[in-house]
Structure formats: C-alpha cells, structure tokens
Amino acid sequence: MRLSSLVELLTDECKFLLCPMPKADWLGLLRHAVEQRGERHPMFPLMHQFEGDFQIFQPELGQSKDVLALNHSVVDVVRANIHTLVDMGVLSQ
C-alpha cells in the first residue's frame, strides 16, 4: 500500500483531519506517547520498526494486474480495520 493511498483513505473517505509533518517530528511525538504509556500503548510493539530503516509503505511497484489487485485488496483490509477501530472507539473522527 502506498502512503498516498492511506492518506487518501483517511482524509477523503474517513474524514480524518491530518496534519502533515516531517517523519522526525512525528516519530518524536509517537516516542513520547509510547514512553508515557509503556507497553500499554498500541504502537509499543512497532516502535523498533518505526525507528529503524523498515519501510512501512511500499514504493511504487508498477502497474501490472497482479500488483494492482494486491494493492486493492490491501486497501480494502486497511479500510475495514479503520472502520472497526472507529466503531470500537479506538479512533475518533
């Protein structure tokens, strides 16, 4: 899934108001929040990935039918998860 697809999903479809910022600033805010709540923070298990060179979002892979179908499936799964988190009250709009 490309980052632009996630941003479009969150802003256009789910109506979240996002504030773009450099990765270093975002990571600093996340690190502070995780330090405050420790292992209870939902992002705690992922911090080593965010702070490393791990690529969360895939680079452009081309436009083959297989790649487009896979990306569409991933977007559908992410969309369903976002709606579930909103319904559970974990995310608020």
Protein backbone atom coordinates (compact mmCIF):
# COMPACT_ATOMS: atom_id res chain seq x y z
CA MET A 1 0.00 0.00 0.00
CA ARG A 2 1.35 3.41 -0.90
CA LEU A 3 1.34 6.16 1.70
CA SER A 4 -0.71 8.35 -0.64
CA SER A 5 -3.41 5.64 -0.70
CA LEU A 6 -3.57 5.56 3.10
CA VAL A 7 -3.71 9.37 3.36
CA GLU A 8 -6.49 9.48 0.75
CA LEU A 9 -8.44 6.79 2.61
CA LEU A 10 -8.11 8.56 5.96
CA THR A 11 -8.86 12.08 4.71
CA ASP A 12 -11.33 11.62 1.85
CA GLU A 13 -13.31 8.58 2.91
CA CYS A 14 -12.97 8.54 6.70
CA LYS A 15 -12.87 12.35 7.08
CA PHE A 16 -9.88 12.44 9.43
CA LEU A 17 -8.10 15.78 9.69
CA LEU A 18 -4.40 15.08 9.25
CA CYS A 19 -1.56 17.48 9.92
CA PRO A 20 1.43 16.69 7.67
CA MET A 21 4.79 16.87 9.41
CA PRO A 22 8.32 15.59 8.93
CA LYS A 23 8.94 11.99 9.98
CA ALA A 24 11.36 13.09 12.71
CA ASP A 25 8.71 15.31 14.33
CA TRP A 26 6.03 12.62 14.09
CA LEU A 27 8.39 10.00 15.46
CA GLY A 28 9.29 12.26 18.39
CA LEU A 29 5.60 12.70 19.27
CA LEU A 30 4.99 8.98 18.97
CA ARG A 31 8.08 8.12 21.03
CA HIS A 32 6.92 10.47 23.80
CA ALA A 33 3.41 8.95 23.81
CA VAL A 34 4.81 5.41 23.94
CA GLU A 35 7.20 6.33 26.76
CA GLN A 36 4.27 7.72 28.75
CA ARG A 37 2.12 4.57 28.46
CA GLY A 38 4.83 1.96 28.01
CA GLU A 39 3.70 -1.47 26.89
CA ARG A 40 0.03 -0.42 27.15
CA HIS A 41 0.43 1.89 24.15
CA PRO A 42 -0.93 0.22 20.98
CA MET A 43 2.15 1.27 18.99
CA PHE A 44 4.65 -0.10 21.54
CA PRO A 45 5.28 -3.35 19.62
CA LEU A 46 6.03 -1.42 16.42
CA MET A 47 8.46 1.18 17.75
CA HIS A 48 11.57 -0.75 16.70
CA GLN A 49 10.22 -0.79 13.14
CA PHE A 50 9.42 2.92 13.10
CA GLU A 51 12.83 3.84 14.47
CA GLY A 52 14.76 1.57 12.09
CA ASP A 53 15.03 1.50 8.33
CA PHE A 54 11.93 -0.65 8.00
CA GLN A 55 9.76 0.51 5.09
CA ILE A 56 6.15 0.62 6.23
CA PHE A 57 4.81 1.63 2.85
CA GLN A 58 5.82 0.03 -0.39
CA PRO A 59 7.47 2.02 -3.15
CA GLU A 60 5.71 2.22 -6.48
CA LEU A 61 5.82 -1.32 -7.87
CA GLY A 62 4.46 -0.70 -11.34
CA GLN A 63 1.04 -1.18 -12.81
CA SER A 64 0.76 -4.91 -13.51
CA LYS A 65 -2.64 -6.52 -12.95
CA ASP A 66 -1.28 -8.59 -10.05
CA VAL A 67 0.20 -5.55 -8.28
CA LEU A 68 -2.98 -3.51 -8.74
CA ALA A 69 -5.15 -6.37 -7.47
CA LEU A 70 -2.93 -6.88 -4.43
CA ASN A 71 -2.91 -3.15 -3.64
CA HIS A 72 -6.71 -3.03 -3.95
CA SER A 73 -7.01 -5.97 -1.51
CA VAL A 74 -4.68 -4.32 1.00
CA VAL A 75 -6.63 -1.06 0.79
CA ASP A 76 -9.87 -2.98 1.43
CA VAL A 77 -8.37 -4.64 4.53
CA VAL A 78 -6.99 -1.35 5.87
CA ARG A 79 -10.36 0.35 5.22
CA ALA A 80 -12.19 -2.38 7.16
CA ASN A 81 -9.73 -2.12 10.05
CA ILE A 82 -10.09 1.67 10.22
CA HIS A 83 -13.88 1.41 10.33
CA THR A 84 -13.68 -1.27 13.02
CA LEU A 85 -11.36 0.89 15.16
CA VAL A 86 -13.75 3.84 14.77
CA ASP A 87 -16.73 1.65 15.73
CA MET A 88 -14.83 0.40 18.81
CA GLY A 89 -13.98 3.97 19.84
CA VAL A 90 -10.23 3.45 19.46
CA LEU A 91 -10.16 6.10 16.70
CA SER A 92 -12.40 9.13 16.73
CA GLN A 93 -13.33 11.29 13.80
